Protein backbone atom coordinates (compact mmCIF):
# COMPACT_ATOMS: atom_id res chain seq x y z
CA MET A 1 -34.12 10.39 25.80
CA LEU A 2 -32.75 13.54 27.63
CA SER A 3 -29.55 12.11 27.47
CA VAL A 4 -29.50 11.40 24.25
CA ILE A 5 -30.52 14.83 22.97
CA ALA A 6 -27.66 16.26 25.69
CA ASN A 7 -25.23 14.33 24.17
CA GLN A 8 -26.48 15.13 20.62
CA VAL A 9 -25.90 18.66 21.58
CA ALA A 10 -22.50 17.81 22.88
CA ILE A 11 -21.49 16.45 19.66
CA SER A 12 -23.01 19.27 17.87
CA LEU A 13 -20.53 22.08 19.81
CA GLU A 14 -17.50 19.97 19.96
CA ASN A 15 -18.03 19.81 15.66
CA GLY A 16 -18.43 23.61 16.25
CA PHE A 17 -15.17 23.63 17.64
CA LEU A 18 -13.69 21.99 15.73
CA TYR A 19 -14.95 23.40 12.58
CA ARG A 20 -13.44 26.69 14.07
CA LYS A 21 -10.31 25.42 14.98
CA MET A 22 -9.79 24.41 11.37
CA GLU A 23 -10.76 27.64 10.00
CA THR A 24 -8.59 29.08 11.71
CA MET A 25 -5.81 26.75 11.17
CA ALA A 26 -6.27 26.72 7.71
CA THR A 27 -6.17 30.57 7.55
CA THR A 28 -3.17 31.72 10.14
CA ASP A 29 0.23 31.27 10.23
CA GLY A 30 0.94 29.35 13.03
CA LEU A 31 4.00 30.67 14.86
CA THR A 32 2.78 34.04 14.64
CA GLY A 33 -1.31 34.23 14.78
CA LEU A 34 -0.99 36.69 11.37
CA THR A 35 -3.26 35.71 8.24
CA ASN A 36 -1.15 33.20 6.18
CA HIS A 37 0.46 33.69 2.77
CA ARG A 38 -2.42 31.95 0.89
CA THR A 39 -5.12 34.27 2.90
CA PHE A 40 -3.29 37.19 2.03
CA GLN A 41 -3.23 36.72 -1.53
CA GLN A 42 -6.66 36.11 -1.29
CA ARG A 43 -7.80 38.75 1.03
CA PHE A 44 -5.38 41.36 -1.33
CA ALA A 45 -7.65 40.23 -4.15
CA ASP A 46 -10.76 40.61 -2.67
CA MET A 47 -9.65 43.96 -1.14
CA LEU A 48 -8.22 45.22 -5.21
CA GLU A 49 -11.65 44.15 -6.62
CA ARG A 50 -13.96 45.91 -3.82
CA ALA A 51 -11.17 49.02 -4.52
CA ALA A 52 -11.77 49.27 -8.49
CA ARG A 53 -15.42 49.18 -7.81
CA HIS A 54 -15.22 52.09 -5.25
CA GLY A 55 -12.82 54.24 -6.54
CA HIS A 56 -10.58 53.47 -2.96
CA ARG A 57 -7.19 53.52 -2.42
CA VAL A 58 -4.87 50.51 -1.27
CA ALA A 59 -1.51 49.91 -0.12
CA LEU A 60 0.90 47.08 0.40
CA LEU A 61 3.85 46.81 2.66
CA LEU A 62 6.04 44.18 2.21
CA CYS A 63 8.46 44.23 5.14
CA ASP A 64 11.77 42.19 5.84
CA VAL A 65 13.66 41.27 9.43
CA ASP A 66 16.68 42.88 8.70
CA HIS A 67 19.70 40.32 8.96
CA PHE A 68 17.22 37.57 9.83
CA LYS A 69 19.63 34.86 9.00
CA LYS A 70 21.99 36.14 11.45
CA VAL A 71 20.16 35.95 14.28
CA ASN A 72 19.23 32.39 13.82
CA ASP A 73 22.44 31.61 13.17
CA ASN A 74 23.92 33.37 16.20
CA PHE A 75 21.08 33.39 19.11
CA GLY A 76 19.38 29.92 17.82
CA HIS A 77 16.02 29.08 15.63
CA PRO A 78 13.80 29.54 19.60
CA ILE A 79 14.61 32.93 19.69
CA GLY A 80 14.36 33.67 16.11
CA ASP A 81 10.87 32.60 16.21
CA GLU A 82 10.32 34.92 18.97
CA VAL A 83 11.56 38.21 16.90
CA LEU A 84 9.02 36.71 14.59
CA ARG A 85 5.94 36.95 17.24
CA ARG A 86 7.38 39.99 18.37
CA VAL A 87 7.44 41.72 14.63
CA ALA A 88 4.13 40.17 14.27
CA ARG A 89 2.64 41.89 17.47
CA VAL A 90 3.36 45.02 15.78
CA LEU A 91 2.33 44.26 12.94
CA GLN A 92 -0.85 43.84 14.73
CA GLU A 93 -1.14 46.87 17.19
CA VAL A 94 -0.04 49.43 14.48
CA PRO A 95 -1.73 49.44 11.81
CA ARG A 96 -5.62 50.42 11.87
CA LYS A 97 -8.03 46.95 12.81
CA ILE A 98 -9.52 47.17 8.88
CA ASP A 99 -6.03 46.01 7.33
CA ILE A 100 -4.68 42.98 7.31
CA PRO A 101 -1.49 41.98 8.12
CA ALA A 102 -0.16 38.51 7.35
CA ARG A 103 3.41 36.84 7.28
CA TYR A 104 4.36 36.26 3.61
CA GLY A 105 7.09 33.67 4.42
CA GLY A 106 10.28 33.53 6.53
CA GLU A 107 11.35 36.86 7.84
CA GLU A 108 9.11 38.52 5.15
CA PHE A 109 5.61 40.26 6.08
CA ALA A 110 3.22 42.02 4.68
CA VAL A 111 0.18 44.78 5.27
CA LEU A 112 -2.21 45.75 3.52
CA LEU A 113 -3.61 49.36 4.06
CA ASP A 114 -7.34 49.60 2.87
CA ASN A 115 -8.25 53.24 1.18
CA VAL A 116 -5.06 55.05 1.93
CA ASP A 117 -2.64 56.50 -0.31
CA VAL A 118 1.17 56.33 -0.78
CA ALA A 119 1.84 59.26 1.72
CA GLN A 120 -0.50 57.99 4.59
CA ALA A 121 0.88 53.84 3.57
CA LYS A 122 4.19 55.52 3.96
CA ALA A 123 3.29 56.88 7.42
CA VAL A 124 2.26 53.70 8.90
CA ALA A 125 5.14 51.83 7.69
CA GLU A 126 7.31 54.33 9.53
CA ARG A 127 5.48 53.71 12.68
CA ILE A 128 5.90 50.33 12.53
CA ARG A 129 9.57 50.77 11.27
CA ILE A 130 9.83 52.70 15.07
CA GLU A 131 8.20 50.43 16.77
CA ILE A 132 9.72 47.22 15.51
CA SER A 133 13.20 49.35 15.88
CA ARG A 134 12.41 49.61 19.70
CA LEU A 135 11.81 45.95 20.21
CA VAL A 136 14.55 44.28 22.60
CA ILE A 137 14.85 40.53 22.45
CA GLU A 138 16.43 39.13 25.96
CA THR A 139 18.42 36.43 25.62
CA GLU A 140 21.13 34.22 27.39
CA LYS A 141 24.15 36.23 24.75
CA GLY A 142 22.56 39.88 25.75
CA PRO A 143 19.79 41.67 24.23
CA LEU A 144 19.25 41.76 20.69
CA SER A 145 17.74 44.48 18.76
CA VAL A 146 15.65 44.35 15.96
CA THR A 147 15.19 46.34 12.66
CA GLU A 148 13.07 45.81 9.60
CA SER A 149 13.05 47.11 6.52
CA VAL A 150 10.16 48.40 4.50
CA GLY A 151 8.70 48.47 0.70
CA VAL A 152 5.53 50.20 -0.16
CA ALA A 153 3.60 50.27 -3.45
CA ALA A 154 0.01 51.52 -3.70
CA PHE A 155 -3.00 51.11 -6.23
CA PRO A 156 -3.54 52.51 -8.30
CA ASP A 157 -0.71 55.09 -8.94
CA ASP A 158 1.80 52.03 -8.88
CA GLY A 159 -0.07 49.47 -10.18
CA ARG A 160 -3.34 47.96 -10.78
CA ASP A 161 -2.68 44.13 -10.42
CA ARG A 162 -1.73 42.11 -7.57
CA ALA A 163 1.59 40.92 -9.75
CA THR A 164 2.43 43.88 -10.32
CA LEU A 165 1.79 45.76 -7.17
CA ILE A 166 3.80 43.03 -4.91
CA GLU A 167 6.57 43.21 -7.31
CA ARG A 168 7.19 46.96 -7.20
CA ALA A 169 6.43 46.71 -3.68
CA ASP A 170 9.19 43.82 -3.32
CA LEU A 171 11.40 46.04 -4.99
CA ALA A 172 11.19 48.86 -2.88
CA LEU A 173 11.98 46.34 -0.35
CA TYR A 174 14.81 45.80 -1.88
CA HIS A 175 16.03 49.18 -2.28
CA ALA A 176 15.74 49.66 1.47
CA LYS A 177 17.63 46.44 2.15
CA HIS A 178 20.47 47.84 -0.33
CA THR A 179 20.78 51.67 0.52
CA GLY A 180 20.97 50.98 4.64
CA ARG A 181 18.61 48.80 6.14
CA ASN A 182 16.11 49.80 8.82
CA ARG A 183 14.47 51.94 5.90
CA VAL A 184 11.19 52.64 4.45
CA VAL A 185 11.05 53.11 0.44
CA THR A 186 8.10 53.71 -1.75
CA TRP A 187 7.71 52.50 -5.36
CA ALA A 188 7.47 56.13 -6.50
CA GLU A 189 11.18 56.55 -4.63
CA VAL A 190 12.69 53.92 -6.73
CA GLN A 191 11.48 55.20 -9.78
CA ALA A 192 11.98 59.14 -8.44
CA GLU A 193 16.05 57.79 -7.81
CA LYS A 194 16.28 56.28 -11.01
CA ALA A 195 15.10 59.09 -13.27
CA LYS A 196 17.46 61.35 -11.44
CA LYS A 197 20.38 59.12 -12.25
CA ALA A 198 19.32 58.81 -15.84
CA SER A 199 19.27 62.21 -16.29
């Protein structure tokens, strides 16, 4: 009888372990260990809903590793994967524990910052950018340095829904990429530059 109970306990423990493992696999990017895209979208929606209800702010950082295709082409995909893992580590360490870093896709990452304004979000993005620019990956072809461009958009100033904030952070990221890379650009800065050119 005791062995039957022990077997049942062992099976229950194993099932619990497998459930947690499956849950982690379903919500986490396998390469970087960050939140995956699907889970990020859900958590973003939840965060925006809470922010609207409580009058908080939320900022979105969209980050893209500069010249990543060249990294893969010149150093190989294993080094490219290592770059992504190292960038992910910075994204886990620099923001606060309550913030949500995610692998958005390919060499693009996203970070959700809870209850910060645009200036605070830009400061966090700058810290991330600086830490990433300090990364050096040793390769057979010599050391590889990494940089990242970041676009920033914030709720409610830059948009009130996920799609608008993602679009505006992406446009700010595009602007950062096309004005020198290794930069942080906010949606407000993109708008200010457009207004300046129009006048």
